[in-house]
N, C-alpha and C. Protein backbone atom coordinates (compact mmCIF):
# COMPACT_ATOMS: atom_id res chain seq x y z
N UNK A 1 48.81 85.01 -12.67
CA UNK A 1 47.65 84.61 -11.44
C UNK A 1 46.58 83.48 -12.06
N UNK A 2 46.16 84.01 -13.28
CA UNK A 2 45.35 83.33 -14.11
C UNK A 2 45.84 81.87 -14.67
N UNK A 3 47.01 81.97 -14.80
CA UNK A 3 47.55 80.47 -14.82
C UNK A 3 47.76 79.68 -14.23
N UNK A 4 47.85 79.90 -12.65
CA UNK A 4 47.58 79.23 -11.54
C UNK A 4 46.49 78.86 -11.20
N UNK A 5 45.51 79.53 -11.18
CA UNK A 5 44.28 79.22 -11.54
C UNK A 5 43.85 77.99 -12.23
N UNK A 6 44.01 78.05 -13.82
CA UNK A 6 43.58 77.06 -14.48
C UNK A 6 44.52 75.74 -14.19
N UNK A 7 45.82 75.94 -14.02
CA UNK A 7 46.26 74.80 -13.32
C UNK A 7 45.86 74.22 -12.02
N UNK A 8 45.40 74.43 -11.26
CA UNK A 8 44.75 73.80 -10.27
C UNK A 8 43.31 73.69 -10.69
N UNK A 9 42.87 74.23 -11.49
CA UNK A 9 40.95 73.78 -12.14
C UNK A 9 41.61 72.37 -13.20
N UNK A 10 42.46 72.34 -13.50
CA UNK A 10 42.96 71.37 -14.56
C UNK A 10 43.36 70.24 -13.62
N UNK A 11 44.05 70.54 -12.72
CA UNK A 11 44.59 69.08 -11.47
C UNK A 11 43.12 68.62 -10.90
N UNK A 12 42.48 69.50 -9.98
CA UNK A 12 41.07 69.24 -9.73
C UNK A 12 39.99 68.00 -10.75
N UNK A 13 40.10 68.46 -11.79
CA UNK A 13 39.49 67.75 -12.72
C UNK A 13 39.68 66.67 -13.43
N UNK A 14 41.22 66.48 -13.47
CA UNK A 14 41.89 64.99 -12.94
C UNK A 14 41.64 63.66 -12.12
N UNK A 15 41.49 65.00 -10.85
CA UNK A 15 41.28 63.80 -9.80
C UNK A 15 40.04 62.25 -9.86
N UNK A 16 40.34 61.27 -9.67
CA UNK A 16 39.01 60.28 -9.57
C UNK A 16 39.29 59.77 -8.89
N UNK A 17 38.28 59.28 -8.38
CA UNK A 17 38.22 58.19 -7.32
C UNK A 17 37.77 56.64 -7.85
N UNK A 18 37.86 56.13 -7.52
CA UNK A 18 37.38 54.63 -7.64
C UNK A 18 35.73 54.37 -6.99
N UNK A 19 35.32 53.43 -7.69
CA UNK A 19 33.79 53.61 -7.08
C UNK A 19 33.58 51.75 -6.97
N UNK A 20 32.72 51.98 -5.95
CA UNK A 20 32.66 50.20 -5.31
C UNK A 20 32.07 49.89 -6.90
N UNK A 21 31.93 48.59 -7.07
CA UNK A 21 31.35 47.37 -8.07
C UNK A 21 30.56 46.75 -7.02
N UNK A 22 29.22 47.09 -7.25
CA UNK A 22 28.78 46.06 -5.63
C UNK A 22 27.89 45.23 -6.53
N UNK A 23 28.38 44.64 -8.27
CA UNK A 23 27.81 43.59 -8.56
C UNK A 23 28.30 43.02 -9.45
N UNK A 24 28.37 41.58 -9.99
CA UNK A 24 28.88 40.63 -10.75
C UNK A 24 29.05 41.81 -12.22
N UNK A 25 27.85 41.88 -12.64
CA UNK A 25 27.69 42.61 -13.53
C UNK A 25 28.92 44.02 -13.76
N UNK A 26 28.88 44.50 -12.94
CA UNK A 26 29.55 45.80 -12.65
C UNK A 26 31.08 45.71 -12.73
N UNK A 27 31.09 44.34 -12.06
CA UNK A 27 32.57 44.19 -12.28
C UNK A 27 33.28 43.92 -13.39
N UNK A 28 32.28 42.51 -14.10
CA UNK A 28 32.35 42.25 -15.31
C UNK A 28 32.60 43.51 -16.56
N UNK A 29 31.80 44.43 -16.21
CA UNK A 29 31.68 45.69 -17.39
C UNK A 29 33.04 46.38 -17.17
N UNK A 30 33.53 46.58 -15.80
CA UNK A 30 34.94 47.39 -15.42
C UNK A 30 36.19 46.67 -16.27
N UNK A 31 36.23 44.92 -16.11
CA UNK A 31 37.33 44.84 -17.27
C UNK A 31 36.37 44.66 -18.30
N UNK A 32 35.53 44.54 -19.19
CA UNK A 32 35.51 45.19 -20.65
C UNK A 32 35.97 46.08 -20.97
N UNK A 33 35.99 47.30 -19.83
CA UNK A 33 36.07 48.91 -20.31
C UNK A 33 37.70 48.70 -19.93
N UNK A 34 38.27 47.84 -19.51
CA UNK A 34 39.90 47.56 -19.25
C UNK A 34 40.11 48.88 -18.07
N UNK A 35 39.00 48.69 -17.56
CA UNK A 35 38.93 49.70 -15.81
C UNK A 35 40.40 49.34 -14.93
N UNK A 36 41.24 50.12 -14.28
CA UNK A 36 41.81 49.41 -13.15
C UNK A 36 40.95 49.10 -12.10
N UNK A 37 41.29 47.91 -11.63
CA UNK A 37 40.14 47.32 -10.22
C UNK A 37 41.09 46.73 -9.02
N UNK A 38 40.52 47.45 -8.10
CA UNK A 38 40.92 46.77 -7.05
C UNK A 38 40.49 46.12 -6.28
N UNK A 39 40.90 45.12 -5.80
CA UNK A 39 40.07 44.29 -4.60
C UNK A 39 40.52 44.36 -3.11
N UNK A 40 39.38 44.64 -2.14
CA UNK A 40 39.41 44.52 -1.20
C UNK A 40 38.90 43.35 -0.20
N UNK A 41 39.88 43.05 1.27
CA UNK A 41 39.31 41.49 1.59
C UNK A 41 39.15 42.21 2.74
N UNK A 42 38.32 41.68 4.07
CA UNK A 42 38.01 42.22 4.93
C UNK A 42 37.97 40.58 5.62
N UNK A 43 39.20 39.83 5.65
CA UNK A 43 39.94 38.29 6.26
C UNK A 43 38.55 37.79 7.36
N UNK A 44 38.25 39.11 8.26
CA UNK A 44 37.53 38.76 9.27
C UNK A 44 35.77 38.08 8.64
N UNK A 45 35.65 38.41 8.08
CA UNK A 45 34.53 38.20 7.22
C UNK A 45 34.20 37.01 6.19
N UNK A 46 35.22 35.93 6.03
CA UNK A 46 35.50 35.02 5.11
C UNK A 46 35.85 33.87 6.25
N UNK A 47 36.04 32.51 5.13
CA UNK A 47 35.62 31.90 6.48
C UNK A 47 37.36 31.18 5.53
N UNK A 48 38.19 30.20 6.19
CA UNK A 48 39.03 29.40 5.82
C UNK A 48 38.84 28.21 5.56
N UNK A 49 39.83 27.35 4.67
CA UNK A 49 40.01 26.03 5.66
C UNK A 49 41.06 25.31 6.38
N UNK A 50 42.09 26.38 6.76
CA UNK A 50 42.67 26.60 7.15
C UNK A 50 43.33 27.25 8.67
N UNK A 51 42.51 28.47 8.15
CA UNK A 51 43.09 29.48 9.36
C UNK A 51 41.79 30.22 10.04
N UNK A 52 41.75 30.55 11.32
CA UNK A 52 40.57 31.34 12.40
C UNK A 52 40.38 32.52 11.42
N UNK A 53 39.19 33.10 11.75
CA UNK A 53 39.04 34.23 10.72
C UNK A 53 40.16 35.55 11.49
N UNK A 54 40.56 36.29 11.08
CA UNK A 54 41.37 36.81 11.43
C UNK A 54 41.33 38.70 11.62
N UNK A 55 41.46 39.45 11.98
CA UNK A 55 41.36 40.73 11.63
C UNK A 55 42.01 41.33 10.76
N UNK A 56 42.21 41.23 9.34
CA UNK A 56 42.95 41.70 8.82
C UNK A 56 42.27 42.19 7.68
N UNK A 57 42.47 43.42 6.86
CA UNK A 57 42.46 43.64 5.88
C UNK A 57 43.18 44.26 4.72
N UNK A 58 43.20 43.98 3.72
CA UNK A 58 43.91 43.63 2.58
C UNK A 58 43.26 44.00 1.61
N UNK A 59 44.12 44.74 0.48
CA UNK A 59 43.46 45.21 -1.05
C UNK A 59 44.90 44.97 -2.08
N UNK A 60 44.41 44.64 -3.36
CA UNK A 60 45.76 44.34 -4.44
C UNK A 60 44.95 44.38 -5.59
N UNK A 61 45.90 44.77 -6.16
CA UNK A 61 45.02 45.11 -7.66
C UNK A 61 46.01 43.99 -8.57
N UNK A 62 44.92 43.01 -9.01
CA UNK A 62 45.51 41.86 -9.62
C UNK A 62 45.67 42.55 -11.02
N UNK A 63 47.05 41.69 -11.69
CA UNK A 63 47.85 42.11 -12.52
C UNK A 63 46.92 41.42 -13.82
N UNK A 64 45.73 40.52 -13.82
CA UNK A 64 45.08 40.01 -15.02
C UNK A 64 43.61 39.72 -14.46
N UNK A 65 42.93 39.98 -15.21
CA UNK A 65 41.47 39.82 -15.05
C UNK A 65 40.53 38.92 -16.09
N UNK A 66 39.89 38.17 -16.45
CA UNK A 66 39.07 37.21 -17.36
C UNK A 66 37.79 36.64 -17.13
N UNK A 67 36.61 37.60 -18.10
CA UNK A 67 35.39 37.12 -17.35
C UNK A 67 34.97 35.66 -18.61
N UNK A 68 34.64 34.51 -17.67
CA UNK A 68 34.08 33.28 -18.45
C UNK A 68 32.86 32.87 -18.83
N UNK A 69 32.47 32.95 -19.79
CA UNK A 69 30.81 32.43 -19.75
C UNK A 69 30.10 33.52 -19.11
N UNK A 70 30.37 34.61 -18.32
CA UNK A 70 29.61 35.95 -18.08
C UNK A 70 29.20 35.08 -17.23
N UNK A 71 29.41 33.90 -15.85
CA UNK A 71 29.48 33.73 -14.81
C UNK A 71 30.18 33.26 -13.77
N UNK A 72 31.66 34.01 -14.61
CA UNK A 72 32.90 34.16 -13.65
C UNK A 72 33.84 34.91 -13.96
N UNK A 73 34.34 35.59 -13.08
CA UNK A 73 35.43 36.40 -13.08
C UNK A 73 36.99 35.75 -12.57
N UNK A 74 37.97 35.82 -13.26
CA UNK A 74 39.01 35.36 -12.66
C UNK A 74 40.13 36.41 -12.76
N UNK A 75 40.57 36.21 -11.51
CA UNK A 75 41.99 37.43 -11.56
C UNK A 75 43.02 36.63 -11.19
N UNK A 76 44.10 37.30 -10.76
CA UNK A 76 45.19 36.49 -10.33
C UNK A 76 46.03 37.67 -10.17
N UNK A 77 47.15 37.41 -8.95
CA UNK A 77 48.60 38.13 -8.69
C UNK A 77 49.15 36.82 -7.87
N UNK A 78 50.67 37.91 -8.01
CA UNK A 78 51.42 37.05 -7.39
C UNK A 78 52.71 38.16 -7.18
N UNK A 79 53.50 37.85 -6.00
CA UNK A 79 54.49 38.71 -5.11
C UNK A 79 55.51 37.87 -4.42
N UNK A 80 56.22 38.38 -4.54
CA UNK A 80 57.37 37.91 -3.89
C UNK A 80 57.60 38.74 -1.93
N UNK A 81 57.59 37.50 -0.74
CA UNK A 81 57.19 38.14 -0.02
C UNK A 81 58.68 37.33 1.37
N UNK A 82 59.22 37.84 2.31
CA UNK A 82 59.73 37.37 3.09
C UNK A 82 59.15 36.97 4.87
N UNK A 83 58.29 37.44 4.84
CA UNK A 83 57.46 37.37 5.74
C UNK A 83 56.02 36.04 6.06
N UNK A 84 55.98 35.53 4.66
CA UNK A 84 54.97 34.53 5.20
C UNK A 84 55.43 33.74 6.34
N UNK A 85 54.46 33.40 7.09
CA UNK A 85 54.52 32.86 8.80
C UNK A 85 54.28 30.62 8.33
N UNK A 86 53.94 30.57 7.18
CA UNK A 86 54.23 29.21 7.14
C UNK A 86 55.29 28.59 6.35
N UNK A 87 56.06 29.69 6.29
CA UNK A 87 57.25 29.44 5.63
C UNK A 87 58.88 29.72 6.49
N UNK A 88 58.58 29.81 7.68
CA UNK A 88 59.63 30.34 8.37
C UNK A 88 60.64 30.82 8.25
N UNK A 89 60.47 31.80 7.99
CA UNK A 89 61.13 33.30 7.64
C UNK A 89 62.07 33.07 5.78
N UNK A 90 61.68 31.89 5.30
CA UNK A 90 62.41 31.98 4.45
C UNK A 90 61.45 32.62 3.48
N UNK A 91 62.30 33.46 1.94
CA UNK A 91 61.41 33.88 0.98
C UNK A 91 60.68 33.36 0.31
N UNK A 92 59.61 33.43 -0.25
CA UNK A 92 58.50 32.54 -0.82
C UNK A 92 57.81 33.77 -1.86
N UNK A 93 57.69 32.59 -2.91
CA UNK A 93 56.80 33.32 -3.63
C UNK A 93 55.28 33.31 -3.63
N UNK A 94 54.61 34.10 -3.93
CA UNK A 94 52.70 33.44 -3.73
C UNK A 94 52.08 33.74 -4.99
N UNK A 95 51.18 32.72 -5.18
CA UNK A 95 50.11 33.10 -6.47
C UNK A 95 49.17 32.97 -5.65
N UNK A 96 48.53 33.78 -6.10
CA UNK A 96 46.60 34.14 -5.44
C UNK A 96 45.51 34.00 -6.90
N UNK A 97 44.54 33.16 -7.13
CA UNK A 97 43.81 33.10 -7.43
C UNK A 97 42.49 33.76 -7.20
N UNK A 98 41.71 34.45 -7.76
CA UNK A 98 40.54 35.31 -6.79
C UNK A 98 39.54 34.49 -8.27
N UNK A 99 38.32 34.17 -7.65
CA UNK A 99 37.21 33.64 -8.61
C UNK A 99 35.80 34.34 -7.97
N UNK A 100 35.35 34.97 -8.75
CA UNK A 100 34.09 35.87 -8.78
C UNK A 100 33.22 35.47 -9.38
N UNK A 101 31.75 34.29 -8.50
CA UNK A 101 31.05 33.58 -9.56
C UNK A 101 29.59 34.89 -9.60
N UNK A 102 28.75 34.43 -10.66
CA UNK A 102 27.80 35.59 -10.63
C UNK A 102 26.35 35.60 -9.76
N UNK A 103 26.74 34.22 -8.89
CA UNK A 103 25.76 34.26 -7.95
C UNK A 103 26.52 35.35 -6.57
N UNK A 104 27.56 35.88 -6.51
CA UNK A 104 27.94 36.38 -5.37
C UNK A 104 29.04 35.96 -4.92
N UNK A 105 29.68 34.83 -4.83
CA UNK A 105 30.49 33.75 -4.01
C UNK A 105 31.67 34.22 -4.33
N UNK A 106 32.63 34.03 -3.22
CA UNK A 106 34.10 34.61 -4.02
C UNK A 106 34.74 33.55 -3.14
N UNK A 107 35.62 32.89 -4.24
CA UNK A 107 37.12 31.83 -3.51
C UNK A 107 38.56 32.26 -4.15
N UNK A 108 38.81 32.56 -3.02
CA UNK A 108 40.32 32.93 -3.21
C UNK A 108 41.83 31.91 -2.70
N UNK A 109 42.07 31.66 -3.75
CA UNK A 109 42.95 30.50 -3.23
C UNK A 109 44.42 30.62 -3.72
N UNK A 110 45.32 30.58 -2.60
CA UNK A 110 46.13 31.19 -2.35
C UNK A 110 47.90 29.73 -2.21
N UNK A 111 48.76 29.79 -3.25
CA UNK A 111 49.68 28.82 -3.56
C UNK A 111 51.15 29.27 -2.94
N UNK A 112 51.73 28.82 -1.95
CA UNK A 112 52.80 29.83 -1.25
C UNK A 112 53.91 28.62 -1.63
N UNK A 113 54.78 29.25 -2.16
CA UNK A 113 56.08 28.49 -3.05
C UNK A 113 57.50 28.92 -2.36
N UNK A 114 58.42 28.10 -2.49
CA UNK A 114 59.76 28.48 -2.37
C UNK A 114 60.17 29.51 -3.37
N UNK A 115 60.87 30.30 -2.79
CA UNK A 115 61.44 31.25 -3.70
C UNK A 115 62.47 31.24 -4.64
N UNK A 116 63.28 30.17 -4.25
CA UNK A 116 64.25 29.65 -4.93
C UNK A 116 64.01 28.35 -6.28
N UNK A 117 63.06 27.65 -5.56
CA UNK A 117 62.76 26.64 -6.42
C UNK A 117 61.81 26.58 -7.12
N UNK A 118 60.49 27.45 -6.65
CA UNK A 118 59.22 26.99 -6.66
C UNK A 118 58.39 25.79 -6.19
N UNK A 119 59.32 25.25 -5.24
CA UNK A 119 58.39 23.97 -5.28
C UNK A 119 57.13 24.46 -4.31
N UNK A 120 56.25 24.09 -3.83
CA UNK A 120 55.27 24.32 -3.24
C UNK A 120 55.42 24.37 -1.41
N UNK A 121 55.18 24.90 -1.05
CA UNK A 121 55.03 24.62 0.36
C UNK A 121 53.75 24.34 1.36
N UNK A 122 53.21 25.45 0.63
CA UNK A 122 51.47 25.15 0.83
C UNK A 122 50.58 25.71 -0.17
N UNK A 123 49.23 25.74 0.51
CA UNK A 123 47.72 26.00 0.02
C UNK A 123 47.12 26.64 0.80
N UNK A 124 46.22 26.99 0.37
CA UNK A 124 44.96 27.67 1.43
C UNK A 124 43.65 28.34 0.64
N UNK A 125 42.79 28.15 1.15
CA UNK A 125 41.31 28.93 0.05
C UNK A 125 40.65 29.27 0.96
N UNK A 126 40.44 30.26 0.99
CA UNK A 126 39.15 31.78 1.97
C UNK A 126 38.28 31.54 0.78
N UNK A 127 36.65 31.68 1.39
CA UNK A 127 35.41 31.89 0.98
C UNK A 127 35.07 33.30 1.70
N UNK A 128 34.23 33.60 0.61
CA UNK A 128 33.93 35.63 0.98
C UNK A 128 32.76 35.35 0.02
N UNK A 129 31.81 36.19 -0.13
CA UNK A 129 30.56 36.83 -0.39
C UNK A 129 31.11 38.21 -1.10
N UNK A 130 30.37 38.54 -2.12
CA UNK A 130 30.87 40.11 -3.17
C UNK A 130 29.89 40.99 -1.76
N UNK A 131 30.79 41.95 -1.39
CA UNK A 131 30.26 43.10 -0.77
C UNK A 131 29.73 42.86 0.86
N UNK A 132 30.17 41.36 1.13
CA UNK A 132 30.69 40.97 2.71
C UNK A 132 31.59 40.11 2.85
N UNK A 133 33.15 41.00 3.00
CA UNK A 133 34.43 40.04 3.17
C UNK A 133 35.42 40.44 1.97
N UNK A 134 34.18 40.56 0.52
CA UNK A 134 35.23 41.06 -0.57
C UNK A 134 34.40 41.93 -1.31
N UNK A 135 35.51 43.49 -1.69
CA UNK A 135 34.78 44.56 -2.62
C UNK A 135 36.17 44.85 -3.45
N UNK A 136 34.75 45.62 -4.62
CA UNK A 136 36.11 45.77 -5.57
C UNK A 136 35.61 47.15 -5.56
N UNK A 137 36.82 47.69 -6.68
CA UNK A 137 36.57 49.06 -6.69
C UNK A 137 37.15 49.57 -8.07
N UNK A 138 36.63 49.98 -9.25
CA UNK A 138 36.96 50.46 -10.07
C UNK A 138 36.72 51.97 -11.08
């Protein structure tokens, strides 16, 4: 019985949750400490150069982060998909770059490529603000 109780205590003590990083400095510190960071976007609160605001919420754990001159954080992610509406049902590879500026402005640049030959199909940009349409957790 004692072993079960100790195992349960060990399990509960190892459970952690990600806290919201509400400032540029908080995100930069998390990058410097090597923490895993999750980005959450509420596209209804962002603006786009091609699309109207949509009731879509998404999250991503970018595979690379960099703090540049302590005034910009850049992150990127890439993934394969079969259901991008701009590709008419063809397989695509998407490269997404996130730029978080020290003033709280966030730009998200998405490049959609043909998955067979990497030829560019489309690009679009979203503009969000930290804590309004764009959140970071770490």
